[in-house]
Amino acid sequence: MCKYFSGLLLVVFATATSLAADLSLTARSNGSSSIQVAPGAVVNYEIIGELSGSANGGLALFGVDVSFSGGPLQQANEPASPPMDNFVSSPTNTKGLANPAGYGGTLQNGVLRQVGGAQNTINNVVGNAPFPTGMVIEDVAITPQVLCAGSLTAPMTPGMYTLTLSNVFANVIKDGETGTPFYKTEQAGVGNITNLSIEVIPEETRCVSSSPSCDQSLWRTANNTLSILFDDAITAPAAGEVQVNELMAGGAFGADISGSFTFTVENGNTLRVRENGDSALDHRIWYAVRNTGAWSGVAAFKVDLVVMIGDANNDNRVQAIDSG
């Protein structure tokens, strides 16, 4: 069997009946194959390889194409440490054999072609050819191994995008090889391929502060009005998107009474929460004003406040007479 790295012919010894092992690949970011990011975020990714079974001496060669539905990619990183630097050929590293463009793949219309490389299983030495010249490392990817890593820029448009792995090929060192006079290799099959799913979500506006601040008492002189400052412009929430609940024992919440309040926006980024004057707030009771996710585009928040004096006589004012 033969494989090509952009014009460099690699002769591979393969069995005629069954394949020695399967190479499974997983693309992930921060340890997960499904992530959420903000528009324009830089996403660091890595590709993990693992061979099935143990009746082989580990990876001798591998290649994979990498594409991104959210736009063009940049070349993946060149490994700088063992064992994967043994698959690299570059001006500063002649241990392995890779594309003329480098281990990080050849860019074609934003797609990375043949990311990867091969070890010096032919036991080439300096003087015969300038590369590969490394000593073979066995058991590569017998257990999960980071084969390559790179980064991409998420699109500005919210939506679902995929970093896709395709056209995978690999060879493994035959079981029991000693390297004399060279390491015979066998073709590996392709196992499970797990792509990286990237959901781009709009950045949420966040609560910065409140007046009165959390865990304080509402001001009777301001008719128990609450002002909440955000770090960006907001629009007034629809009914029920921001809840007002009595704080109950054990961390529970009472029924939502937000229908008894008016929510208005001041100065573009301040939410004003004011009781409508129907005695919704009781004396010396703690309440929570909160967004649990229903107010789209605004991060969840909770402001706890205690009512010292409510509008007991329902005259749309909170005065000392209400305490009687």
C-alpha atoms as a PDB file:
ATOM      1  CA  MET A   1       0.000   0.000   0.000  1.00  0.00           C
ATOM      2  CA  CYS A   2       1.172   3.561  -0.716  1.00  0.00           C
ATOM      3  CA  LYS A   3       0.350   6.970   0.761  1.00  0.00           C
ATOM      4  CA  TYR A   4       1.442  10.372  -0.437  1.00  0.00           C
ATOM      5  CA  PHE A   5       2.470  13.442   1.537  1.00  0.00           C
ATOM      6  CA  SER A   6       2.219  16.064  -1.234  1.00  0.00           C
ATOM      7  CA  GLY A   7       4.434  14.268  -3.681  1.00  0.00           C
ATOM      8  CA  LEU A   8       6.606  12.335  -1.211  1.00  0.00           C
ATOM      9  CA  LEU A   9       5.907   8.638  -1.712  1.00  0.00           C
ATOM     10  CA  LEU A  10       5.769   6.542   1.447  1.00  0.00           C
ATOM     11  CA  VAL A  11       5.850   2.791   0.975  1.00  0.00           C
ATOM     12  CA  VAL A  12       3.809   1.026   3.636  1.00  0.00           C
ATOM     13  CA  PHE A  13       3.734  -2.657   4.359  1.00  0.00           C
ATOM     14  CA  ALA A  14       0.133  -3.819   4.866  1.00  0.00           C
ATOM     15  CA  THR A  15      -1.475  -7.147   5.576  1.00  0.00           C
ATOM     16  CA  ALA A  16      -3.659  -8.585   2.859  1.00  0.00           C
ATOM     17  CA  THR A  17      -6.391  -9.847   5.165  1.00  0.00           C
ATOM     18  CA  SER A  18      -7.134  -7.764   8.261  1.00  0.00           C
ATOM     19  CA  LEU A  19      -5.943  -4.451   9.623  1.00  0.00           C
ATOM     20  CA  ALA A  20      -3.708  -4.344  12.666  1.00  0.00           C
ATOM     21  CA  ALA A  21      -5.699  -1.704  14.520  1.00  0.00           C
ATOM     22  CA  ASP A  22      -8.161   1.141  14.092  1.00  0.00           C
ATOM     23  CA  LEU A  23      -7.276   4.769  14.763  1.00  0.00           C
ATOM     24  CA  SER A  24     -10.073   6.744  16.429  1.00  0.00           C
ATOM     25  CA  LEU A  25      -9.885  10.533  16.448  1.00  0.00           C
ATOM     26  CA  THR A  26     -11.647  13.053  18.684  1.00  0.00           C
ATOM     27  CA  ALA A  27     -11.614  16.813  18.167  1.00  0.00           C
ATOM     28  CA  ARG A  28     -12.185  18.735  21.376  1.00  0.00           C
ATOM     29  CA  SER A  29     -11.744  22.095  23.081  1.00  0.00           C
ATOM     30  CA  ASN A  30     -11.290  22.493  26.830  1.00  0.00           C
ATOM     31  CA  GLY A  31     -11.821  18.758  27.173  1.00  0.00           C
ATOM     32  CA  SER A  32     -15.190  18.714  25.393  1.00  0.00           C
ATOM     33  CA  SER A  33     -16.411  17.968  21.863  1.00  0.00           C
ATOM     34  CA  SER A  34     -19.330  20.378  22.230  1.00  0.00           C
ATOM     35  CA  ILE A  35     -18.739  23.960  23.361  1.00  0.00           C
ATOM     36  CA  GLN A  36     -20.404  27.363  23.431  1.00  0.00           C
ATOM     37  CA  VAL A  37     -18.444  30.528  22.661  1.00  0.00           C
ATOM     38  CA  ALA A  38     -19.034  34.221  22.086  1.00  0.00           C
ATOM     39  CA  PRO A  39     -18.956  35.690  18.571  1.00  0.00           C
ATOM     40  CA  GLY A  40     -15.396  36.183  17.358  1.00  0.00           C
ATOM     41  CA  ALA A  41     -13.872  34.122  20.191  1.00  0.00           C
ATOM     42  CA  VAL A  42     -10.552  32.351  19.667  1.00  0.00           C
ATOM     43  CA  VAL A  43     -11.104  28.606  20.093  1.00  0.00           C
ATOM     44  CA  ASN A  44      -8.139  26.386  20.920  1.00  0.00           C
ATOM     45  CA  TYR A  45      -8.663  22.810  19.814  1.00  0.00           C
ATOM     46  CA  GLU A  46      -6.780  19.532  19.880  1.00  0.00           C
ATOM     47  CA  ILE A  47      -7.142  16.227  18.075  1.00  0.00           C
ATOM     48  CA  ILE A  48      -6.828  13.116  20.240  1.00  0.00           C
ATOM     49  CA  GLY A  49      -5.894   9.793  18.689  1.00  0.00           C
ATOM     50  CA  GLU A  50      -6.219   6.294  20.139  1.00  0.00           C
ATOM     51  CA  LEU A  51      -5.495   2.915  18.589  1.00  0.00           C
ATOM     52  CA  SER A  52      -7.758  -0.037  19.214  1.00  0.00           C
ATOM     53  CA  GLY A  53      -6.103  -3.151  20.581  1.00  0.00           C
ATOM     54  CA  SER A  54      -2.499  -3.570  21.668  1.00  0.00           C
ATOM     55  CA  ALA A  55      -1.138  -5.999  19.025  1.00  0.00           C
ATOM     56  CA  ASN A  56       0.955  -3.297  17.382  1.00  0.00           C
ATOM     57  CA  GLY A  57       3.873  -1.045  18.178  1.00  0.00           C
ATOM     58  CA  GLY A  58       1.976   2.236  17.974  1.00  0.00           C
ATOM     59  CA  LEU A  59       1.575   4.865  15.285  1.00  0.00           C
ATOM     60  CA  ALA A  60       4.122   4.996  12.501  1.00  0.00           C
ATOM     61  CA  LEU A  61       2.233   7.476  10.317  1.00  0.00           C
ATOM     62  CA  PHE A  62      -1.054   9.336  10.293  1.00  0.00           C
ATOM     63  CA  GLY A  63      -2.830  12.047   8.341  1.00  0.00           C
ATOM     64  CA  VAL A  64      -6.170  13.833   8.569  1.00  0.00           C
ATOM     65  CA  ASP A  65      -7.940  16.683   6.778  1.00  0.00           C
ATOM     66  CA  VAL A  66      -9.455  19.365   9.000  1.00  0.00           C
ATOM     67  CA  SER A  67     -12.166  21.798   7.909  1.00  0.00           C
ATOM     68  CA  PHE A  68     -14.402  24.317   9.674  1.00  0.00           C
ATOM     69  CA  SER A  69     -17.929  25.235   8.594  1.00  0.00           C
ATOM     70  CA  GLY A  70     -17.491  28.670  10.182  1.00  0.00           C
ATOM     71  CA  GLY A  71     -14.699  29.823   7.884  1.00  0.00           C
ATOM     72  CA  PRO A  72     -11.106  29.217   6.812  1.00  0.00           C
ATOM     73  CA  LEU A  73      -8.594  27.647   9.155  1.00  0.00           C
ATOM     74  CA  GLN A  74      -5.001  28.550   9.829  1.00  0.00           C
ATOM     75  CA  GLN A  75      -2.228  25.970   9.905  1.00  0.00           C
ATOM     76  CA  ALA A  76      -2.212  23.739  12.980  1.00  0.00           C
ATOM     77  CA  ASN A  77       0.690  23.900  15.421  1.00  0.00           C
ATOM     78  CA  GLU A  78       3.889  21.949  14.946  1.00  0.00           C
ATOM     79  CA  PRO A  79       4.530  19.619  17.925  1.00  0.00           C
ATOM     80  CA  ALA A  80       7.560  20.663  19.945  1.00  0.00           C
ATOM     81  CA  SER A  81       7.932  17.704  22.313  1.00  0.00           C
ATOM     82  CA  PRO A  82       7.915  13.886  22.208  1.00  0.00           C
ATOM     83  CA  PRO A  83       6.381  11.776  20.978  1.00  0.00           C
ATOM     84  CA  MET A  84       4.706  13.819  18.242  1.00  0.00           C
ATOM     85  CA  ASP A  85       7.771  15.898  17.332  1.00  0.00           C
ATOM     86  CA  ASN A  86       9.109  12.570  15.983  1.00  0.00           C
ATOM     87  CA  PHE A  87       6.595  12.923  13.100  1.00  0.00           C
ATOM     88  CA  VAL A  88       7.785  16.408  12.085  1.00  0.00           C
ATOM     89  CA  SER A  89      10.050  17.553   9.287  1.00  0.00           C
ATOM     90  CA  SER A  90      10.866  21.242   9.235  1.00  0.00           C
ATOM     91  CA  PRO A  91      13.913  23.527   8.955  1.00  0.00           C
ATOM     92  CA  THR A  92      14.456  23.114  12.705  1.00  0.00           C
ATOM     93  CA  ASN A  93      13.361  19.490  13.150  1.00  0.00           C
ATOM     94  CA  THR A  94      14.313  16.641  10.806  1.00  0.00           C
ATOM     95  CA  LYS A  95      13.166  13.726  13.003  1.00  0.00           C
ATOM     96  CA  GLY A  96      10.143  12.777  10.908  1.00  0.00           C
ATOM     97  CA  LEU A  97       8.551  13.152   7.501  1.00  0.00           C
ATOM     98  CA  ALA A  98       5.616  15.458   6.782  1.00  0.00           C
ATOM     99  CA  ASN A  99       4.115  17.643   4.083  1.00  0.00           C
ATOM    100  CA  PRO A 100       6.465  20.193   2.523  1.00  0.00           C
ATOM    101  CA  ALA A 101       4.097  22.777   4.062  1.00  0.00           C
ATOM    102  CA  GLY A 102       4.660  21.229   7.481  1.00  0.00           C
ATOM    103  CA  TYR A 103       3.086  18.961  10.047  1.00  0.00           C
ATOM    104  CA  GLY A 104       0.258  21.503  10.511  1.00  0.00           C
ATOM    105  CA  GLY A 105      -1.156  20.663   7.084  1.00  0.00           C
ATOM    106  CA  THR A 106      -1.351  22.241   3.658  1.00  0.00           C
ATOM    107  CA  LEU A 107      -3.887  25.061   3.397  1.00  0.00           C
ATOM    108  CA  GLN A 108      -6.210  24.745   0.418  1.00  0.00           C
ATOM    109  CA  ASN A 109      -9.084  27.236   0.332  1.00  0.00           C
ATOM    110  CA  GLY A 110      -9.138  27.403   4.122  1.00  0.00           C
ATOM    111  CA  VAL A 111      -9.051  23.604   4.586  1.00  0.00           C
ATOM    112  CA  LEU A 112      -6.077  21.867   6.189  1.00  0.00           C
ATOM    113  CA  ARG A 113      -5.015  18.897   4.075  1.00  0.00           C
ATOM    114  CA  GLN A 114      -2.996  16.016   5.530  1.00  0.00           C
ATOM    115  CA  VAL A 115      -2.245  17.305   8.987  1.00  0.00           C
ATOM    116  CA  GLY A 116       0.279  14.864  10.455  1.00  0.00           C
ATOM    117  CA  GLY A 117       3.453  13.031   9.508  1.00  0.00           C
ATOM    118  CA  ALA A 118       5.486   9.858   9.821  1.00  0.00           C
ATOM    119  CA  GLN A 119       8.280   8.484  11.978  1.00  0.00           C
ATOM    120  CA  ASN A 120      11.676   7.344  10.707  1.00  0.00           C
ATOM    121  CA  THR A 121      10.682   3.690  10.482  1.00  0.00           C
ATOM    122  CA  ILE A 122      13.102   3.232   7.552  1.00  0.00           C
ATOM    123  CA  ASN A 123      16.030   4.029   9.891  1.00  0.00           C
ATOM    124  CA  ASN A 124      17.373   6.694   7.569  1.00  0.00           C
ATOM    125  CA  VAL A 125      20.605   8.339   8.694  1.00  0.00           C
ATOM    126  CA  VAL A 126      22.126  11.687   7.831  1.00  0.00           C
ATOM    127  CA  GLY A 127      24.110  11.282   4.666  1.00  0.00           C
ATOM    128  CA  ASN A 128      21.506   9.190   2.910  1.00  0.00           C
ATOM    129  CA  ALA A 129      18.749  11.819   3.064  1.00  0.00           C
ATOM    130  CA  PRO A 130      18.323  15.005   5.107  1.00  0.00           C
ATOM    131  CA  PHE A 131      15.201  13.620   6.765  1.00  0.00           C
ATOM    132  CA  PRO A 132      13.767  11.681   8.543  1.00  0.00           C
ATOM    133  CA  THR A 133      16.558  11.200  11.090  1.00  0.00           C
ATOM    134  CA  GLY A 134      14.804  10.520  14.412  1.00  0.00           C
ATOM    135  CA  MET A 135      14.873   7.441  16.602  1.00  0.00           C
ATOM    136  CA  VAL A 136      11.534   5.629  16.473  1.00  0.00           C
ATOM    137  CA  ILE A 137       9.266   6.006  19.501  1.00  0.00           C
ATOM    138  CA  GLU A 138       6.996   3.019  20.003  1.00  0.00           C
ATOM    139  CA  ASP A 139       3.507   2.757  21.525  1.00  0.00           C
ATOM    140  CA  VAL A 140       2.364   6.172  20.270  1.00  0.00           C
ATOM    141  CA  ALA A 141      -1.454   6.418  20.671  1.00  0.00           C
ATOM    142  CA  ILE A 142      -1.773   3.006  22.336  1.00  0.00           C
ATOM    143  CA  THR A 143      -3.432   5.185  24.974  1.00  0.00           C
ATOM    144  CA  PRO A 144      -5.131   8.524  24.112  1.00  0.00           C
ATOM    145  CA  GLN A 145      -2.552  10.894  22.656  1.00  0.00           C
ATOM    146  CA  VAL A 146      -2.791  14.533  21.524  1.00  0.00           C
ATOM    147  CA  LEU A 147      -1.768  14.234  17.879  1.00  0.00           C
ATOM    148  CA  CYS A 148      -2.055  17.899  16.995  1.00  0.00           C
ATOM    149  CA  ALA A 149      -3.425  21.199  18.245  1.00  0.00           C
ATOM    150  CA  GLY A 150      -4.438  24.500  16.722  1.00  0.00           C
ATOM    151  CA  SER A 151      -6.775  27.441  17.005  1.00  0.00           C
ATOM    152  CA  LEU A 152      -9.593  29.012  15.030  1.00  0.00           C
ATOM    153  CA  THR A 153     -11.705  32.139  15.193  1.00  0.00           C
ATOM    154  CA  ALA A 154     -15.432  31.693  15.787  1.00  0.00           C
ATOM    155  CA  PRO A 155     -17.792  33.480  13.372  1.00  0.00           C
ATOM    156  CA  MET A 156     -19.524  36.682  14.416  1.00  0.00           C
ATOM    157  CA  THR A 157     -22.911  35.252  13.434  1.00  0.00           C
ATOM    158  CA  PRO A 158     -24.593  33.123  16.135  1.00  0.00           C
ATOM    159  CA  GLY A 159     -25.301  29.536  15.160  1.00  0.00           C
ATOM    160  CA  MET A 160     -23.971  25.970  15.145  1.00  0.00           C
ATOM    161  CA  TYR A 161     -20.637  25.226  13.474  1.00  0.00           C
ATOM    162  CA  THR A 162     -18.454  22.119  13.150  1.00  0.00           C
ATOM    163  CA  LEU A 163     -14.743  21.409  13.058  1.00  0.00           C
ATOM    164  CA  THR A 164     -14.721  18.290  10.872  1.00  0.00           C
ATOM    165  CA  LEU A 165     -12.094  15.528  10.624  1.00  0.00           C
ATOM    166  CA  SER A 166     -12.013  13.579   7.357  1.00  0.00           C
ATOM    167  CA  ASN A 167      -9.848  11.512   5.013  1.00  0.00           C
ATOM    168  CA  VAL A 168      -8.070   9.804   7.910  1.00  0.00           C
ATOM    169  CA  PHE A 169      -5.285   7.341   7.218  1.00  0.00           C
ATOM    170  CA  ALA A 170      -2.707   5.717   9.473  1.00  0.00           C
ATOM    171  CA  ASN A 171      -0.101   2.992   9.755  1.00  0.00           C
ATOM    172  CA  VAL A 172       1.213   1.237  12.821  1.00  0.00           C
ATOM    173  CA  ILE A 173       4.481  -0.493  13.644  1.00  0.00           C
ATOM    174  CA  LYS A 174       4.063  -4.260  13.414  1.00  0.00           C
ATOM    175  CA  ASP A 175       3.885  -6.030  16.728  1.00  0.00           C
ATOM    176  CA  GLY A 176       7.269  -7.324  17.893  1.00  0.00           C
ATOM    177  CA  GLU A 177       9.426  -5.244  15.515  1.00  0.00           C
ATOM    178  CA  THR A 178      12.980  -4.526  16.711  1.00  0.00           C
ATOM    179  CA  GLY A 179      14.023  -2.002  14.080  1.00  0.00           C
ATOM    180  CA  THR A 180      16.522  -4.319  12.386  1.00  0.00           C
ATOM    181  CA  PRO A 181      17.124  -3.434   9.639  1.00  0.00           C
ATOM    182  CA  PHE A 182      13.984  -1.236   9.769  1.00  0.00           C
ATOM    183  CA  TYR A 183      10.516  -1.200  11.337  1.00  0.00           C
ATOM    184  CA  LYS A 184       7.901  -2.967   9.256  1.00  0.00           C
ATOM    185  CA  THR A 185       4.520  -1.268   9.380  1.00  0.00           C
ATOM    186  CA  GLU A 186       0.905  -2.190   8.728  1.00  0.00           C
ATOM    187  CA  GLN A 187      -2.097  -0.255   7.590  1.00  0.00           C
ATOM    188  CA  ALA A 188      -4.497   0.821  10.333  1.00  0.00           C
ATOM    189  CA  GLY A 189      -8.206   1.184   9.845  1.00  0.00           C
ATOM    190  CA  VAL A 190     -10.350   4.163  10.766  1.00  0.00           C
ATOM    191  CA  GLY A 191     -12.286   3.900  14.004  1.00  0.00           C
ATOM    192  CA  ASN A 192     -14.702   6.381  15.562  1.00  0.00           C
ATOM    193  CA  ILE A 193     -14.405   9.985  14.411  1.00  0.00           C
ATOM    194  CA  THR A 194     -15.781  12.653  16.759  1.00  0.00           C
ATOM    195  CA  ASN A 195     -15.985  16.185  15.395  1.00  0.00           C
ATOM    196  CA  LEU A 196     -16.010  19.368  17.461  1.00  0.00           C
ATOM    197  CA  SER A 197     -19.381  21.168  17.641  1.00  0.00           C
ATOM    198  CA  ILE A 198     -19.135  24.899  18.306  1.00  0.00           C
ATOM    199  CA  GLU A 199     -22.225  26.933  19.156  1.00  0.00           C
ATOM    200  CA  VAL A 200     -21.736  30.676  18.800  1.00  0.00           C
ATOM    201  CA  ILE A 201     -24.078  32.500  21.147  1.00  0.00           C
ATOM    202  CA  PRO A 202     -24.540  36.253  21.582  1.00  0.00           C
ATOM    203  CA  GLU A 203     -22.726  37.752  24.522  1.00  0.00           C
ATOM    204  CA  GLU A 204     -25.135  38.328  27.369  1.00  0.00           C
ATOM    205  CA  THR A 205     -25.596  41.675  29.052  1.00  0.00           C
ATOM    206  CA  ARG A 206     -24.696  41.397  32.724  1.00  0.00           C
ATOM    207  CA  CYS A 207     -25.922  42.990  35.921  1.00  0.00           C
ATOM    208  CA  VAL A 208     -23.285  45.349  37.326  1.00  0.00           C
ATOM    209  CA  SER A 209     -24.918  46.730  40.458  1.00  0.00           C
ATOM    210  CA  SER A 210     -28.221  47.688  41.999  1.00  0.00           C
ATOM    211  CA  SER A 211     -29.590  50.559  44.051  1.00  0.00           C
ATOM    212  CA  PRO A 212     -30.293  49.648  46.797  1.00  0.00           C
ATOM    213  CA  SER A 213     -27.564  47.030  46.647  1.00  0.00           C
ATOM    214  CA  CYS A 214     -28.223  43.342  47.220  1.00  0.00           C
ATOM    215  CA  ASP A 215     -29.100  42.305  50.813  1.00  0.00           C
ATOM    216  CA  GLN A 216     -30.109  45.855  51.737  1.00  0.00           C
ATOM    217  CA  SER A 217     -33.544  47.345  52.436  1.00  0.00           C
ATOM    218  CA  LEU A 218     -35.701  49.114  49.889  1.00  0.00           C
ATOM    219  CA  TRP A 219     -35.928  52.854  50.475  1.00  0.00           C
ATOM    220  CA  ARG A 220     -39.276  54.043  51.710  1.00  0.00           C
ATOM    221  CA  THR A 221     -38.428  57.572  50.523  1.00  0.00           C
ATOM    222  CA  ALA A 222     -38.085  56.223  46.948  1.00  0.00           C
ATOM    223  CA  ASN A 223     -41.401  54.370  47.072  1.00  0.00           C
ATOM    224  CA  ASN A 224     -39.548  51.024  47.273  1.00  0.00           C
ATOM    225  CA  THR A 225     -38.175  51.479  43.738  1.00  0.00           C
ATOM    226  CA  LEU A 226     -35.243  49.320  42.654  1.00  0.00           C
ATOM    227  CA  SER A 227     -32.721  50.333  39.962  1.00  0.00           C
ATOM    228  CA  ILE A 228     -30.461  47.691  38.367  1.00  0.00           C
ATOM    229  CA  LEU A 229     -27.443  48.800  36.292  1.00  0.00           C
ATOM    230  CA  PHE A 230     -26.200  46.636  33.366  1.00  0.00           C
ATOM    231  CA  ASP A 231     -22.963  46.657  31.408  1.00  0.00           C
ATOM    232  CA  ASP A 232     -24.721  47.249  28.068  1.00  0.00           C
ATOM    233  CA  ALA A 233     -27.951  48.573  26.611  1.00  0.00           C
ATOM    234  CA  ILE A 234     -31.142  46.709  27.465  1.00  0.00           C
ATOM    235  CA  THR A 235     -34.796  46.727  26.480  1.00  0.00           C
ATOM    236  CA  ALA A 236     -37.597  46.469  29.023  1.00  0.00           C
ATOM    237  CA  PRO A 237     -38.433  42.826  29.831  1.00  0.00           C
ATOM    238  CA  ALA A 238     -41.802  41.420  28.858  1.00  0.00           C
ATOM    239  CA  ALA A 239     -44.223  40.249  31.538  1.00  0.00           C
ATOM    240  CA  GLY A 240     -42.776  37.400  33.555  1.00  0.00           C
ATOM    241  CA  GLU A 241     -39.260  37.583  32.086  1.00  0.00           C
ATOM    242  CA  VAL A 242     -38.020  39.148  35.322  1.00  0.00           C
ATOM    243  CA  GLN A 243     -39.621  37.618  38.408  1.00  0.00           C
ATOM    244  CA  VAL A 244     -40.326  39.058  41.840  1.00  0.00           C
ATOM    245  CA  ASN A 245     -40.582  36.318  44.460  1.00  0.00           C
ATOM    246  CA  GLU A 246     -40.816  36.202  48.222  1.00  0.00           C
ATOM    247  CA  LEU A 247     -37.803  34.449  49.740  1.00  0.00           C
ATOM    248  CA  MET A 248     -39.017  31.388  51.610  1.00  0.00           C
ATOM    249  CA  ALA A 249     -37.392  29.060  54.144  1.00  0.00           C
ATOM    250  CA  GLY A 250     -34.804  26.630  52.848  1.00  0.00           C
ATOM    251  CA  GLY A 251     -33.913  28.724  49.796  1.00  0.00           C
ATOM    252  CA  ALA A 252     -37.318  28.304  48.145  1.00  0.00           C
ATOM    253  CA  PHE A 253     -39.164  31.042  46.274  1.00  0.00           C
ATOM    254  CA  GLY A 254     -42.775  32.144  46.574  1.00  0.00           C
ATOM    255  CA  ALA A 255     -45.141  32.795  43.699  1.00  0.00           C
ATOM    256  CA  ASP A 256     -44.071  35.274  41.037  1.00  0.00           C
ATOM    257  CA  ILE A 257     -45.735  38.670  41.687  1.00  0.00           C
ATOM    258  CA  SER A 258     -43.956  40.573  38.891  1.00  0.00           C
ATOM    259  CA  GLY A 259     -47.371  41.376  37.362  1.00  0.00           C
ATOM    260  CA  SER A 260     -47.786  43.931  40.171  1.00  0.00           C
ATOM    261  CA  PHE A 261     -44.710  45.874  39.003  1.00  0.00           C
ATOM    262  CA  THR A 262     -43.729  48.167  36.168  1.00  0.00           C
ATOM    263  CA  PHE A 263     -40.357  47.634  34.457  1.00  0.00           C
ATOM    264  CA  THR A 264     -38.914  50.595  32.576  1.00  0.00           C
ATOM    265  CA  VAL A 265     -35.484  51.415  31.122  1.00  0.00           C
ATOM    266  CA  GLU A 266     -33.620  54.577  32.013  1.00  0.00           C
ATOM    267  CA  ASN A 267     -30.427  55.889  30.376  1.00  0.00           C
ATOM    268  CA  GLY A 268     -30.360  52.888  28.081  1.00  0.00           C
ATOM    269  CA  ASN A 269     -28.797  50.465  30.571  1.00  0.00           C
ATOM    270  CA  THR A 270     -30.700  50.822  33.859  1.00  0.00           C
ATOM    271  CA  LEU A 271     -33.791  48.777  34.703  1.00  0.00           C
ATOM    272  CA  ARG A 272     -36.252  50.542  37.017  1.00  0.00           C
ATOM    273  CA  VAL A 273     -38.523  48.189  38.982  1.00  0.00           C
ATOM    274  CA  ARG A 274     -41.457  49.878  40.719  1.00  0.00           C
ATOM    275  CA  GLU A 275     -44.514  48.497  42.481  1.00  0.00           C
ATOM    276  CA  ASN A 276     -47.794  49.514  40.861  1.00  0.00           C
ATOM    277  CA  GLY A 277     -49.238  50.584  44.211  1.00  0.00           C
ATOM    278  CA  ASP A 278     -51.401  47.559  44.928  1.00  0.00           C
ATOM    279  CA  SER A 279     -49.711  46.531  48.174  1.00  0.00           C
ATOM    280  CA  ALA A 280     -47.740  43.693  46.599  1.00  0.00           C
ATOM    281  CA  LEU A 281     -44.832  44.188  49.013  1.00  0.00           C
ATOM    282  CA  ASP A 282     -45.429  43.363  52.662  1.00  0.00           C
ATOM    283  CA  HIS A 283     -43.695  44.874  55.684  1.00  0.00           C
ATOM    284  CA  ARG A 284     -40.393  43.359  56.748  1.00  0.00           C
ATOM    285  CA  ILE A 285     -40.460  40.601  54.130  1.00  0.00           C
ATOM    286  CA  TRP A 286     -37.500  39.593  51.948  1.00  0.00           C
ATOM    287  CA  TYR A 287     -37.987  39.464  48.173  1.00  0.00           C
ATOM    288  CA  ALA A 288     -35.839  38.457  45.208  1.00  0.00           C
ATOM    289  CA  VAL A 289     -35.868  40.254  41.876  1.00  0.00           C
ATOM    290  CA  ARG A 290     -34.344  37.816  39.410  1.00  0.00           C
ATOM    291  CA  ASN A 291     -33.807  36.675  35.854  1.00  0.00           C
ATOM    292  CA  THR A 292     -33.497  32.903  35.567  1.00  0.00           C
ATOM    293  CA  GLY A 293     -32.887  32.926  31.805  1.00  0.00           C
ATOM    294  CA  ALA A 294     -36.281  33.985  30.469  1.00  0.00           C
ATOM    295  CA  TRP A 295     -35.043  37.522  29.727  1.00  0.00           C
ATOM    296  CA  SER A 296     -33.234  36.793  26.492  1.00  0.00           C
ATOM    297  CA  GLY A 297     -29.789  38.305  26.005  1.00  0.00           C
ATOM    298  CA  VAL A 298     -29.363  39.116  29.702  1.00  0.00           C
ATOM    299  CA  ALA A 299     -27.344  36.891  32.014  1.00  0.00           C
ATOM    300  CA  ALA A 300     -29.084  35.412  35.035  1.00  0.00           C
ATOM    301  CA  PHE A 301     -29.070  37.592  38.148  1.00  0.00           C
ATOM    302  CA  LYS A 302     -30.756  37.823  41.550  1.00  0.00           C
ATOM    303  CA  VAL A 303     -31.090  40.844  43.822  1.00  0.00           C
ATOM    304  CA  ASP A 304     -32.341  40.115  47.376  1.00  0.00           C
ATOM    305  CA  LEU A 305     -33.960  42.986  49.275  1.00  0.00           C
ATOM    306  CA  VAL A 306     -36.012  43.433  52.398  1.00  0.00           C
ATOM    307  CA  VAL A 307     -39.096  45.686  52.593  1.00  0.00           C
ATOM    308  CA  MET A 308     -39.166  47.873  55.676  1.00  0.00           C
ATOM    309  CA  ILE A 309     -42.470  49.605  54.906  1.00  0.00           C
ATOM    310  CA  GLY A 310     -44.866  48.834  52.052  1.00  0.00           C
ATOM    311  CA  ASP A 311     -47.762  50.775  50.519  1.00  0.00           C
ATOM    312  CA  ALA A 312     -50.288  49.542  53.067  1.00  0.00           C
ATOM    313  CA  ASN A 313     -53.036  52.100  52.302  1.00  0.00           C
ATOM    314  CA  ASN A 314     -52.699  51.639  48.513  1.00  0.00           C
ATOM    315  CA  ASP A 315     -52.258  55.338  47.698  1.00  0.00           C
ATOM    316  CA  ASN A 316     -49.269  54.688  45.394  1.00  0.00           C
ATOM    317  CA  ARG A 317     -46.969  56.197  47.990  1.00  0.00           C
ATOM    318  CA  VAL A 318     -44.912  54.700  50.767  1.00  0.00           C
ATOM    319  CA  GLN A 319     -45.118  56.950  53.815  1.00  0.00           C
ATOM    320  CA  ALA A 320     -44.708  56.670  57.551  1.00  0.00           C
ATOM    321  CA  ILE A 321     -48.487  56.297  57.860  1.00  0.00           C
ATOM    322  CA  ASP A 322     -48.216  52.954  56.028  1.00  0.00           C
ATOM    323  CA  SER A 323     -46.371  51.446  58.967  1.00  0.00           C
ATOM    324  CA  GLY A 324     -49.530  51.875  61.056  1.00  0.00           C
END
